[in-house]
Amino acid sequence: MKKGYYLKTCDTCKRILKEINTDGFELQEIKSTPVNEQQLAEMYALSNSYEGLFNKRSRLYKSLGLKDKNLTESDYKKYILEEYTFLKRPVFIVENEIFIGNSKKVVEELKVKLNS
């Protein structure tokens, strides 16, 4: 399985999508088609952390004062399902591996996986 979750208005997502070969990927634009509970469960099964899937750079995260709260895994799950901006992006699933976010390390690991 090859799946990618991205935001079309995100320049970083656009750049990463250009850098990798997306042939064979099922790509989902998360603003027009938000992540559902089953998809989030698949991501969680590979990452073992809703917090790891959570975007703490979101403007909404700061404006809601969430950084000052002690959030639980179920809180992170709830927020991701309620608002697309809370999913750290992009997220790529390749076979049984998940690549979350846009750090250079994650993008390089994704490229290595796709070229192996």
PDB file of N, CA and C in Angstrom:
ATOM      1  N   MET A   1       0.838  -1.176   0.000  1.00  0.00           N
ATOM      2  CA  MET A   1       0.000   0.000   0.000  1.00  0.00           C
ATOM      3  C   MET A   1       0.886   1.244   0.000  1.00  0.00           C
ATOM      4  N   LYS A   2       0.509   2.201  -0.837  1.00  0.00           N
ATOM      5  CA  LYS A   2       1.184   3.501  -0.874  1.00  0.00           C
ATOM      6  C   LYS A   2       0.110   4.572  -0.791  1.00  0.00           C
ATOM      7  N   LYS A   3       0.186   5.352   0.289  1.00  0.00           N
ATOM      8  CA  LYS A   3      -0.832   6.371   0.503  1.00  0.00           C
ATOM      9  C   LYS A   3      -0.137   7.639   0.976  1.00  0.00           C
ATOM     10  N   GLY A   4      -0.654   8.780   0.536  1.00  0.00           N
ATOM     11  CA  GLY A   4      -0.102  10.054   0.967  1.00  0.00           C
ATOM     12  C   GLY A   4      -1.212  11.019   1.342  1.00  0.00           C
ATOM     13  N   TYR A   5      -1.006  11.704   2.447  1.00  0.00           N
ATOM     14  CA  TYR A   5      -1.943  12.726   2.921  1.00  0.00           C
ATOM     15  C   TYR A   5      -1.210  14.059   2.876  1.00  0.00           C
ATOM     16  N   TYR A   6      -1.810  15.045   2.229  1.00  0.00           N
ATOM     17  CA  TYR A   6      -1.137  16.331   2.056  1.00  0.00           C
ATOM     18  C   TYR A   6      -2.168  17.448   2.008  1.00  0.00           C
ATOM     19  N   LEU A   7      -1.662  18.679   2.030  1.00  0.00           N
ATOM     20  CA  LEU A   7      -2.505  19.867   1.924  1.00  0.00           C
ATOM     21  C   LEU A   7      -2.073  20.617   0.674  1.00  0.00           C
ATOM     22  N   LYS A   8      -2.999  20.845  -0.260  1.00  0.00           N
ATOM     23  CA  LYS A   8      -2.628  21.445  -1.544  1.00  0.00           C
ATOM     24  C   LYS A   8      -2.178  22.893  -1.426  1.00  0.00           C
ATOM     25  N   THR A   9      -2.559  23.572  -0.347  1.00  0.00           N
ATOM     26  CA  THR A   9      -2.142  24.964  -0.171  1.00  0.00           C
ATOM     27  C   THR A   9      -0.812  25.088   0.574  1.00  0.00           C
ATOM     28  N   CYS A  10      -0.232  23.969   0.951  1.00  0.00           N
ATOM     29  CA  CYS A  10       1.023  23.970   1.708  1.00  0.00           C
ATOM     30  C   CYS A  10       2.210  23.873   0.744  1.00  0.00           C
ATOM     31  N   ASP A  11       3.031  24.913   0.703  1.00  0.00           N
ATOM     32  CA  ASP A  11       4.183  24.932  -0.203  1.00  0.00           C
ATOM     33  C   ASP A  11       5.154  23.804   0.092  1.00  0.00           C
ATOM     34  N   THR A  12       5.330  23.481   1.352  1.00  0.00           N
ATOM     35  CA  THR A  12       6.243  22.398   1.719  1.00  0.00           C
ATOM     36  C   THR A  12       5.721  21.061   1.193  1.00  0.00           C
ATOM     37  N   CYS A  13       4.429  20.815   1.332  1.00  0.00           N
ATOM     38  CA  CYS A  13       3.835  19.586   0.793  1.00  0.00           C
ATOM     39  C   CYS A  13       4.035  19.514  -0.722  1.00  0.00           C
ATOM     40  N   LYS A  14       3.801  20.634  -1.400  1.00  0.00           N
ATOM     41  CA  LYS A  14       3.968  20.674  -2.865  1.00  0.00           C
ATOM     42  C   LYS A  14       5.407  20.355  -3.252  1.00  0.00           C
ATOM     43  N   ARG A  15       6.363  20.930  -2.525  1.00  0.00           N
ATOM     44  CA  ARG A  15       7.779  20.691  -2.820  1.00  0.00           C
ATOM     45  C   ARG A  15       8.133  19.215  -2.628  1.00  0.00           C
ATOM     46  N   ILE A  16       7.678  18.621  -1.538  1.00  0.00           N
ATOM     47  CA  ILE A  16       7.986  17.219  -1.268  1.00  0.00           C
ATOM     48  C   ILE A  16       7.342  16.320  -2.312  1.00  0.00           C
ATOM     49  N   LEU A  17       6.117  16.618  -2.696  1.00  0.00           N
ATOM     50  CA  LEU A  17       5.453  15.815  -3.728  1.00  0.00           C
ATOM     51  C   LEU A  17       6.207  15.870  -5.055  1.00  0.00           C
ATOM     52  N   LYS A  18       6.852  17.007  -5.349  1.00  0.00           N
ATOM     53  CA  LYS A  18       7.655  17.110  -6.574  1.00  0.00           C
ATOM     54  C   LYS A  18       8.959  16.329  -6.455  1.00  0.00           C
ATOM     55  N   GLU A  19       9.482  16.223  -5.223  1.00  0.00           N
ATOM     56  CA  GLU A  19      10.773  15.560  -4.999  1.00  0.00           C
ATOM     57  C   GLU A  19      10.688  14.044  -5.052  1.00  0.00           C
ATOM     58  N   ILE A  20       9.517  13.494  -4.767  1.00  0.00           N
ATOM     59  CA  ILE A  20       9.406  12.032  -4.713  1.00  0.00           C
ATOM     60  C   ILE A  20       8.584  11.524  -5.890  1.00  0.00           C
ATOM     61  N   ASN A  21       8.739  10.239  -6.169  1.00  0.00           N
ATOM     62  CA  ASN A  21       7.960   9.597  -7.221  1.00  0.00           C
ATOM     63  C   ASN A  21       6.646   9.126  -6.608  1.00  0.00           C
ATOM     64  N   THR A  22       5.553   9.746  -7.008  1.00  0.00           N
ATOM     65  CA  THR A  22       4.253   9.400  -6.426  1.00  0.00           C
ATOM     66  C   THR A  22       3.477   8.384  -7.272  1.00  0.00           C
ATOM     67  N   ASP A  23       4.138   7.784  -8.253  1.00  0.00           N
ATOM     68  CA  ASP A  23       3.478   6.742  -9.049  1.00  0.00           C
ATOM     69  C   ASP A  23       3.018   5.623  -8.121  1.00  0.00           C
ATOM     70  N   GLY A  24       1.787   5.203  -8.276  1.00  0.00           N
ATOM     71  CA  GLY A  24       1.254   4.123  -7.461  1.00  0.00           C
ATOM     72  C   GLY A  24       0.726   4.569  -6.110  1.00  0.00           C
ATOM     73  N   PHE A  25       0.836   5.855  -5.806  1.00  0.00           N
ATOM     74  CA  PHE A  25       0.326   6.374  -4.537  1.00  0.00           C
ATOM     75  C   PHE A  25      -1.139   6.754  -4.668  1.00  0.00           C
ATOM     76  N   GLU A  26      -1.889   6.496  -3.629  1.00  0.00           N
ATOM     77  CA  GLU A  26      -3.227   7.063  -3.496  1.00  0.00           C
ATOM     78  C   GLU A  26      -3.026   8.327  -2.676  1.00  0.00           C
ATOM     79  N   LEU A  27      -3.217   9.486  -3.298  1.00  0.00           N
ATOM     80  CA  LEU A  27      -3.002  10.755  -2.621  1.00  0.00           C
ATOM     81  C   LEU A  27      -4.336  11.338  -2.175  1.00  0.00           C
ATOM     82  N   GLN A  28      -4.358  11.844  -0.954  1.00  0.00           N
ATOM     83  CA  GLN A  28      -5.577  12.430  -0.400  1.00  0.00           C
ATOM     84  C   GLN A  28      -5.282  13.838   0.090  1.00  0.00           C
ATOM     85  N   GLU A  29      -6.006  14.792  -0.472  1.00  0.00           N
ATOM     86  CA  GLU A  29      -5.875  16.187  -0.066  1.00  0.00           C
ATOM     87  C   GLU A  29      -6.771  16.369   1.156  1.00  0.00           C
ATOM     88  N   ILE A  30      -6.171  16.685   2.315  1.00  0.00           N
ATOM     89  CA  ILE A  30      -6.886  16.587   3.587  1.00  0.00           C
ATOM     90  C   ILE A  30      -7.868  17.719   3.877  1.00  0.00           C
ATOM     91  N   LYS A  31      -7.785  18.811   3.129  1.00  0.00           N
ATOM     92  CA  LYS A  31      -8.771  19.876   3.354  1.00  0.00           C
ATOM     93  C   LYS A  31     -10.084  19.515   2.655  1.00  0.00           C
ATOM     94  N   SER A  32     -10.009  19.049   1.421  1.00  0.00           N
ATOM     95  CA  SER A  32     -11.222  18.702   0.686  1.00  0.00           C
ATOM     96  C   SER A  32     -11.764  17.331   1.097  1.00  0.00           C
ATOM     97  N   THR A  33     -10.879  16.430   1.535  1.00  0.00           N
ATOM     98  CA  THR A  33     -11.282  15.102   1.992  1.00  0.00           C
ATOM     99  C   THR A  33     -10.584  14.820   3.317  1.00  0.00           C
ATOM    100  N   PRO A  34     -11.168  15.270   4.413  1.00  0.00           N
ATOM    101  CA  PRO A  34     -10.510  15.080   5.705  1.00  0.00           C
ATOM    102  C   PRO A  34     -10.269  13.608   6.048  1.00  0.00           C
ATOM    103  N   VAL A  35      -9.276  13.405   6.873  1.00  0.00           N
ATOM    104  CA  VAL A  35      -8.945  12.061   7.346  1.00  0.00           C
ATOM    105  C   VAL A  35     -10.100  11.545   8.195  1.00  0.00           C
ATOM    106  N   ASN A  36     -10.483  10.286   7.959  1.00  0.00           N
ATOM    107  CA  ASN A  36     -11.559   9.707   8.767  1.00  0.00           C
ATOM    108  C   ASN A  36     -10.960   8.849   9.892  1.00  0.00           C
ATOM    109  N   GLU A  37     -11.821   8.345  10.747  1.00  0.00           N
ATOM    110  CA  GLU A  37     -11.360   7.606  11.921  1.00  0.00           C
ATOM    111  C   GLU A  37     -10.582   6.346  11.538  1.00  0.00           C
ATOM    112  N   GLN A  38     -11.018   5.647  10.501  1.00  0.00           N
ATOM    113  CA  GLN A  38     -10.325   4.429  10.064  1.00  0.00           C
ATOM    114  C   GLN A  38      -8.927   4.763   9.544  1.00  0.00           C
ATOM    115  N   GLN A  39      -8.808   5.817   8.750  1.00  0.00           N
ATOM    116  CA  GLN A  39      -7.502   6.220   8.227  1.00  0.00           C
ATOM    117  C   GLN A  39      -6.569   6.639   9.358  1.00  0.00           C
ATOM    118  N   LEU A  40      -7.098   7.367  10.325  1.00  0.00           N
ATOM    119  CA  LEU A  40      -6.290   7.778  11.465  1.00  0.00           C
ATOM    120  C   LEU A  40      -5.856   6.559  12.277  1.00  0.00           C
ATOM    121  N   ALA A  41      -6.733   5.576  12.396  1.00  0.00           N
ATOM    122  CA  ALA A  41      -6.393   4.334  13.104  1.00  0.00           C
ATOM    123  C   ALA A  41      -5.250   3.596  12.390  1.00  0.00           C
ATOM    124  N   GLU A  42      -5.270   3.607  11.048  1.00  0.00           N
ATOM    125  CA  GLU A  42      -4.175   2.987  10.281  1.00  0.00           C
ATOM    126  C   GLU A  42      -2.855   3.702  10.557  1.00  0.00           C
ATOM    127  N   MET A  43      -2.900   5.037  10.594  1.00  0.00           N
ATOM    128  CA  MET A  43      -1.693   5.810  10.880  1.00  0.00           C
ATOM    129  C   MET A  43      -1.203   5.530  12.300  1.00  0.00           C
ATOM    130  N   TYR A  44      -2.146   5.459  13.222  1.00  0.00           N
ATOM    131  CA  TYR A  44      -1.786   5.199  14.616  1.00  0.00           C
ATOM    132  C   TYR A  44      -1.156   3.817  14.772  1.00  0.00           C
ATOM    133  N   ALA A  45      -1.693   2.831  14.055  1.00  0.00           N
ATOM    134  CA  ALA A  45      -1.155   1.468  14.143  1.00  0.00           C
ATOM    135  C   ALA A  45       0.318   1.425  13.732  1.00  0.00           C
ATOM    136  N   LEU A  46       0.716   2.300  12.825  1.00  0.00           N
ATOM    137  CA  LEU A  46       2.109   2.331  12.365  1.00  0.00           C
ATOM    138  C   LEU A  46       2.982   3.253  13.208  1.00  0.00           C
ATOM    139  N   SER A  47       2.397   4.285  13.783  1.00  0.00           N
ATOM    140  CA  SER A  47       3.196   5.265  14.530  1.00  0.00           C
ATOM    141  C   SER A  47       3.122   5.076  16.048  1.00  0.00           C
ATOM    142  N   ASN A  48       2.058   4.434  16.523  1.00  0.00           N
ATOM    143  CA  ASN A  48       1.812   4.234  17.959  1.00  0.00           C
ATOM    144  C   ASN A  48       1.718   5.544  18.736  1.00  0.00           C
ATOM    145  N   SER A  49       1.340   6.626  18.061  1.00  0.00           N
ATOM    146  CA  SER A  49       1.254   7.900  18.759  1.00  0.00           C
ATOM    147  C   SER A  49       0.381   8.886  17.995  1.00  0.00           C
ATOM    148  N   TYR A  50      -0.707   9.315  18.638  1.00  0.00           N
ATOM    149  CA  TYR A  50      -1.496  10.398  18.057  1.00  0.00           C
ATOM    150  C   TYR A  50      -0.729  11.713  18.181  1.00  0.00           C
ATOM    151  N   GLU A  51       0.026  11.846  19.259  1.00  0.00           N
ATOM    152  CA  GLU A  51       0.822  13.064  19.435  1.00  0.00           C
ATOM    153  C   GLU A  51       1.844  13.205  18.311  1.00  0.00           C
ATOM    154  N   GLY A  52       2.424  12.087  17.872  1.00  0.00           N
ATOM    155  CA  GLY A  52       3.380  12.115  16.772  1.00  0.00           C
ATOM    156  C   GLY A  52       2.756  12.532  15.453  1.00  0.00           C
ATOM    157  N   LEU A  53       1.458  12.339  15.324  1.00  0.00           N
ATOM    158  CA  LEU A  53       0.718  12.714  14.116  1.00  0.00           C
ATOM    159  C   LEU A  53       0.162  14.140  14.205  1.00  0.00           C
ATOM    160  N   PHE A  54       0.336  14.759  15.349  1.00  0.00           N
ATOM    161  CA  PHE A  54      -0.291  16.044  15.637  1.00  0.00           C
ATOM    162  C   PHE A  54       0.628  17.203  15.263  1.00  0.00           C
ATOM    163  N   ASN A  55       0.067  18.198  14.591  1.00  0.00           N
ATOM    164  CA  ASN A  55       0.815  19.373  14.151  1.00  0.00           C
ATOM    165  C   ASN A  55       0.785  20.450  15.234  1.00  0.00           C
ATOM    166  N   LYS A  56       1.874  20.569  15.953  1.00  0.00           N
ATOM    167  CA  LYS A  56       1.943  21.571  17.022  1.00  0.00           C
ATOM    168  C   LYS A  56       2.365  22.943  16.491  1.00  0.00           C
ATOM    169  N   ARG A  57       2.567  23.056  15.196  1.00  0.00           N
ATOM    170  CA  ARG A  57       2.890  24.346  14.592  1.00  0.00           C
ATOM    171  C   ARG A  57       1.652  25.056  14.057  1.00  0.00           C
ATOM    172  N   SER A  58       0.524  24.398  14.142  1.00  0.00           N
ATOM    173  CA  SER A  58      -0.731  24.966  13.645  1.00  0.00           C
ATOM    174  C   SER A  58      -1.077  26.261  14.372  1.00  0.00           C
ATOM    175  N   ARG A  59      -1.543  27.223  13.616  1.00  0.00           N
ATOM    176  CA  ARG A  59      -1.993  28.481  14.237  1.00  0.00           C
ATOM    177  C   ARG A  59      -3.118  28.220  15.230  1.00  0.00           C
ATOM    178  N   LEU A  60      -3.987  27.296  14.874  1.00  0.00           N
ATOM    179  CA  LEU A  60      -5.121  26.970  15.732  1.00  0.00           C
ATOM    180  C   LEU A  60      -4.650  26.375  17.069  1.00  0.00           C
ATOM    181  N   TYR A  61      -3.578  25.615  17.042  1.00  0.00           N
ATOM    182  CA  TYR A  61      -3.008  25.034  18.261  1.00  0.00           C
ATOM    183  C   TYR A  61      -2.658  26.140  19.254  1.00  0.00           C
ATOM    184  N   LYS A  62      -2.042  27.180  18.724  1.00  0.00           N
ATOM    185  CA  LYS A  62      -1.651  28.303  19.587  1.00  0.00           C
ATOM    186  C   LYS A  62      -2.865  29.142  19.986  1.00  0.00           C
ATOM    187  N   SER A  63      -3.750  29.419  19.023  1.00  0.00           N
ATOM    188  CA  SER A  63      -4.887  30.298  19.322  1.00  0.00           C
ATOM    189  C   SER A  63      -5.877  29.673  20.300  1.00  0.00           C
ATOM    190  N   LEU A  64      -5.971  28.339  20.314  1.00  0.00           N
ATOM    191  CA  LEU A  64      -6.855  27.667  21.262  1.00  0.00           C
ATOM    192  C   LEU A  64      -6.182  27.455  22.621  1.00  0.00           C
ATOM    193  N   GLY A  65      -4.901  27.818  22.709  1.00  0.00           N
ATOM    194  CA  GLY A  65      -4.177  27.661  23.964  1.00  0.00           C
ATOM    195  C   GLY A  65      -3.851  26.218  24.301  1.00  0.00           C
ATOM    196  N   LEU A  66      -3.819  25.356  23.278  1.00  0.00           N
ATOM    197  CA  LEU A  66      -3.583  23.928  23.530  1.00  0.00           C
ATOM    198  C   LEU A  66      -2.170  23.655  24.038  1.00  0.00           C
ATOM    199  N   LYS A  67      -1.224  24.528  23.675  1.00  0.00           N
ATOM    200  CA  LYS A  67       0.153  24.298  24.119  1.00  0.00           C
ATOM    201  C   LYS A  67       0.291  24.438  25.631  1.00  0.00           C
ATOM    202  N   ASP A  68      -0.681  25.091  26.254  1.00  0.00           N
ATOM    203  CA  ASP A  68      -0.653  25.269  27.711  1.00  0.00           C
ATOM    204  C   ASP A  68      -1.456  24.195  28.440  1.00  0.00           C
ATOM    205  N   LYS A  69      -2.032  23.274  27.694  1.00  0.00           N
ATOM    206  CA  LYS A  69      -2.837  22.212  28.302  1.00  0.00           C
ATOM    207  C   LYS A  69      -2.064  20.894  28.264  1.00  0.00           C
ATOM    208  N   ASN A  70      -2.411  20.018  29.177  1.00  0.00           N
ATOM    209  CA  ASN A  70      -1.793  18.707  29.221  1.00  0.00           C
ATOM    210  C   ASN A  70      -2.677  17.744  28.425  1.00  0.00           C
ATOM    211  N   LEU A  71      -2.406  17.623  27.125  1.00  0.00           N
ATOM    212  CA  LEU A  71      -3.259  16.827  26.241  1.00  0.00           C
ATOM    213  C   LEU A  71      -2.926  15.337  26.340  1.00  0.00           C
ATOM    214  N   THR A  72      -3.953  14.517  26.252  1.00  0.00           N
ATOM    215  CA  THR A  72      -3.783  13.061  26.250  1.00  0.00           C
ATOM    216  C   THR A  72      -3.804  12.561  24.803  1.00  0.00           C
ATOM    217  N   GLU A  73      -3.479  11.296  24.622  1.00  0.00           N
ATOM    218  CA  GLU A  73      -3.542  10.694  23.281  1.00  0.00           C
ATOM    219  C   GLU A  73      -4.958  10.816  22.709  1.00  0.00           C
ATOM    220  N   SER A  74      -5.977  10.618  23.535  1.00  0.00           N
ATOM    221  CA  SER A  74      -7.351  10.726  23.028  1.00  0.00           C
ATOM    222  C   SER A  74      -7.695  12.169  22.652  1.00  0.00           C
ATOM    223  N   ASP A  75      -7.091  13.140  23.347  1.00  0.00           N
ATOM    224  CA  ASP A  75      -7.290  14.547  22.961  1.00  0.00           C
ATOM    225  C   ASP A  75      -6.686  14.801  21.584  1.00  0.00           C
ATOM    226  N   TYR A  76      -5.456  14.315  21.373  1.00  0.00           N
ATOM    227  CA  TYR A  76      -4.807  14.508  20.072  1.00  0.00           C
ATOM    228  C   TYR A  76      -5.644  13.879  18.968  1.00  0.00           C
ATOM    229  N   LYS A  77      -6.139  12.675  19.202  1.00  0.00           N
ATOM    230  CA  LYS A  77      -6.969  11.979  18.210  1.00  0.00           C
ATOM    231  C   LYS A  77      -8.210  12.813  17.886  1.00  0.00           C
ATOM    232  N   LYS A  78      -8.889  13.291  18.920  1.00  0.00           N
ATOM    233  CA  LYS A  78     -10.121  14.072  18.744  1.00  0.00           C
ATOM    234  C   LYS A  78      -9.848  15.325  17.909  1.00  0.00           C
ATOM    235  N   TYR A  79      -8.782  16.044  18.246  1.00  0.00           N
ATOM    236  CA  TYR A  79      -8.469  17.282  17.520  1.00  0.00           C
ATOM    237  C   TYR A  79      -8.109  17.009  16.059  1.00  0.00           C
ATOM    238  N   ILE A  80      -7.357  15.945  15.799  1.00  0.00           N
ATOM    239  CA  ILE A  80      -6.997  15.612  14.411  1.00  0.00           C
ATOM    240  C   ILE A  80      -8.253  15.307  13.602  1.00  0.00           C
ATOM    241  N   LEU A  81      -9.184  14.573  14.192  1.00  0.00           N
ATOM    242  CA  LEU A  81     -10.417  14.232  13.477  1.00  0.00           C
ATOM    243  C   LEU A  81     -11.330  15.448  13.288  1.00  0.00           C
ATOM    244  N   GLU A  82     -11.265  16.403  14.198  1.00  0.00           N
ATOM    245  CA  GLU A  82     -12.125  17.579  14.104  1.00  0.00           C
ATOM    246  C   GLU A  82     -11.610  18.630  13.130  1.00  0.00           C
ATOM    247  N   GLU A  83     -10.303  18.734  12.980  1.00  0.00           N
ATOM    248  CA  GLU A  83      -9.733  19.839  12.202  1.00  0.00           C
ATOM    249  C   GLU A  83      -8.516  19.361  11.409  1.00  0.00           C
ATOM    250  N   TYR A  84      -8.584  19.454  10.083  1.00  0.00           N
ATOM    251  CA  TYR A  84      -7.508  18.951   9.216  1.00  0.00           C
ATOM    252  C   TYR A  84      -6.145  19.576   9.513  1.00  0.00           C
ATOM    253  N   THR A  85      -6.111  20.822   9.984  1.00  0.00           N
ATOM    254  CA  THR A  85      -4.818  21.483  10.216  1.00  0.00           C
ATOM    255  C   THR A  85      -4.035  20.838  11.357  1.00  0.00           C
ATOM    256  N   PHE A  86      -4.683  20.010  12.155  1.00  0.00           N
ATOM    257  CA  PHE A  86      -3.980  19.368  13.264  1.00  0.00           C
ATOM    258  C   PHE A  86      -3.216  18.109  12.847  1.00  0.00           C
ATOM    259  N   LEU A  87      -3.397  17.640  11.621  1.00  0.00           N
ATOM    260  CA  LEU A  87      -2.602  16.502  11.153  1.00  0.00           C
ATOM    261  C   LEU A  87      -1.263  17.027  10.657  1.00  0.00           C
ATOM    262  N   LYS A  88      -0.192  16.515  11.244  1.00  0.00           N
ATOM    263  CA  LYS A  88       1.147  16.894  10.776  1.00  0.00           C
ATOM    264  C   LYS A  88       1.265  16.396   9.346  1.00  0.00           C
ATOM    265  N   ARG A  89       1.828  17.207   8.481  1.00  0.00           N
ATOM    266  CA  ARG A  89       1.848  16.812   7.077  1.00  0.00           C
ATOM    267  C   ARG A  89       3.174  17.127   6.405  1.00  0.00           C
ATOM    268  N   PRO A  90       3.405  16.441   5.321  1.00  0.00           N
ATOM    269  CA  PRO A  90       2.596  15.355   4.769  1.00  0.00           C
ATOM    270  C   PRO A  90       2.801  14.061   5.555  1.00  0.00           C
ATOM    271  N   VAL A  91       1.900  13.125   5.345  1.00  0.00           N
ATOM    272  CA  VAL A  91       2.031  11.775   5.900  1.00  0.00           C
ATOM    273  C   VAL A  91       2.043  10.820   4.725  1.00  0.00           C
ATOM    274  N   PHE A  92       3.058   9.958   4.684  1.00  0.00           N
ATOM    275  CA  PHE A  92       3.138   8.932   3.642  1.00  0.00           C
ATOM    276  C   PHE A  92       3.192   7.570   4.305  1.00  0.00           C
ATOM    277  N   ILE A  93       2.425   6.646   3.765  1.00  0.00           N
ATOM    278  CA  ILE A  93       2.476   5.255   4.200  1.00  0.00           C
ATOM    279  C   ILE A  93       2.970   4.452   3.014  1.00  0.00           C
ATOM    280  N   VAL A  94       4.073   3.736   3.227  1.00  0.00           N
ATOM    281  CA  VAL A  94       4.649   2.885   2.186  1.00  0.00           C
ATOM    282  C   VAL A  94       4.801   1.502   2.802  1.00  0.00           C
ATOM    283  N   GLU A  95       4.003   0.563   2.288  1.00  0.00           N
ATOM    284  CA  GLU A  95       3.941  -0.783   2.834  1.00  0.00           C
ATOM    285  C   GLU A  95       3.613  -0.704   4.325  1.00  0.00           C
ATOM    286  N   ASN A  96       4.522  -1.110   5.204  1.00  0.00           N
ATOM    287  CA  ASN A  96       4.233  -1.091   6.636  1.00  0.00           C
ATOM    288  C   ASN A  96       4.991   0.006   7.368  1.00  0.00           C
ATOM    289  N   GLU A  97       5.412   1.036   6.649  1.00  0.00           N
ATOM    290  CA  GLU A  97       6.155   2.130   7.273  1.00  0.00           C
ATOM    291  C   GLU A  97       5.405   3.444   7.083  1.00  0.00           C
ATOM    292  N   ILE A  98       5.528   4.307   8.084  1.00  0.00           N
ATOM    293  CA  ILE A  98       4.881   5.612   8.020  1.00  0.00           C
ATOM    294  C   ILE A  98       5.948   6.696   8.118  1.00  0.00           C
ATOM    295  N   PHE A  99       5.758   7.749   7.326  1.00  0.00           N
ATOM    296  CA  PHE A  99       6.671   8.888   7.291  1.00  0.00           C
ATOM    297  C   PHE A  99       5.830  10.125   7.573  1.00  0.00           C
ATOM    298  N   ILE A 100       6.095  10.759   8.713  1.00  0.00           N
ATOM    299  CA  ILE A 100       5.242  11.845   9.199  1.00  0.00           C
ATOM    300  C   ILE A 100       6.023  13.153   9.210  1.00  0.00           C
ATOM    301  N   GLY A 101       5.478  14.156   8.538  1.00  0.00           N
ATOM    302  CA  GLY A 101       6.057  15.485   8.601  1.00  0.00           C
ATOM    303  C   GLY A 101       7.027  15.779   7.485  1.00  0.00           C
ATOM    304  N   ASN A 102       7.690  16.938   7.609  1.00  0.00           N
ATOM    305  CA  ASN A 102       8.500  17.443   6.509  1.00  0.00           C
ATOM    306  C   ASN A 102       9.962  17.680   6.880  1.00  0.00           C
ATOM    307  N   SER A 103      10.410  17.078   7.981  1.00  0.00           N
ATOM    308  CA  SER A 103      11.820  17.263   8.342  1.00  0.00           C
ATOM    309  C   SER A 103      12.696  16.626   7.270  1.00  0.00           C
ATOM    310  N   LYS A 104      13.904  17.162   7.106  1.00  0.00           N
ATOM    311  CA  LYS A 104      14.821  16.622   6.098  1.00  0.00           C
ATOM    312  C   LYS A 104      15.057  15.133   6.321  1.00  0.00           C
ATOM    313  N   LYS A 105      15.196  14.735   7.576  1.00  0.00           N
ATOM    314  CA  LYS A 105      15.457  13.332   7.908  1.00  0.00           C
ATOM    315  C   LYS A 105      14.310  12.438   7.424  1.00  0.00           C
ATOM    316  N   VAL A 106      13.078  12.839   7.705  1.00  0.00           N
ATOM    317  CA  VAL A 106      11.906  12.046   7.311  1.00  0.00           C
ATOM    318  C   VAL A 106      11.804  11.962   5.791  1.00  0.00           C
ATOM    319  N   VAL A 107      12.009  13.079   5.112  1.00  0.00           N
ATOM    320  CA  VAL A 107      11.917  13.093   3.648  1.00  0.00           C
ATOM    321  C   VAL A 107      13.011  12.214   3.038  1.00  0.00           C
ATOM    322  N   GLU A 108      14.214  12.271   3.576  1.00  0.00           N
ATOM    323  CA  GLU A 108      15.308  11.428   3.072  1.00  0.00           C
ATOM    324  C   GLU A 108      14.999   9.955   3.303  1.00  0.00           C
ATOM    325  N   GLU A 109      14.466   9.606   4.480  1.00  0.00           N
ATOM    326  CA  GLU A 109      14.102   8.208   4.757  1.00  0.00           C
ATOM    327  C   GLU A 109      13.029   7.740   3.787  1.00  0.00           C
ATOM    328  N   LEU A 110      12.066   8.604   3.471  1.00  0.00           N
ATOM    329  CA  LEU A 110      11.031   8.270   2.503  1.00  0.00           C
ATOM    330  C   LEU A 110      11.643   8.010   1.130  1.00  0.00           C
ATOM    331  N   LYS A 111      12.549   8.872   0.703  1.00  0.00           N
ATOM    332  CA  LYS A 111      13.194   8.705  -0.603  1.00  0.00           C
ATOM    333  C   LYS A 111      13.965   7.399  -0.661  1.00  0.00           C
ATOM    334  N   VAL A 112      14.673   7.072   0.407  1.00  0.00           N
ATOM    335  CA  VAL A 112      15.426   5.812   0.459  1.00  0.00           C
ATOM    336  C   VAL A 112      14.472   4.630   0.330  1.00  0.00           C
ATOM    337  N   LYS A 113      13.365   4.687   1.062  1.00  0.00           N
ATOM    338  CA  LYS A 113      12.369   3.598   1.030  1.00  0.00           C
ATOM    339  C   LYS A 113      11.800   3.449  -0.385  1.00  0.00           C
ATOM    340  N   LEU A 114      11.493   4.554  -1.038  1.00  0.00           N
ATOM    341  CA  LEU A 114      10.904   4.490  -2.374  1.00  0.00           C
ATOM    342  C   LEU A 114      11.905   4.018  -3.429  1.00  0.00           C
ATOM    343  N   ASN A 115      13.174   4.200  -3.164  1.00  0.00           N
ATOM    344  CA  ASN A 115      14.199   3.804  -4.143  1.00  0.00           C
ATOM    345  C   ASN A 115      14.780   2.426  -3.848  1.00  0.00           C
ATOM    346  N   SER A 116      14.293   1.770  -2.788  1.00  0.00           N
ATOM    347  CA  SER A 116      14.858   0.452  -2.457  1.00  0.00           C
ATOM    348  C   SER A 116      14.135  -0.658  -3.198  1.00  0.00           C
TER     349      SER A 116
END
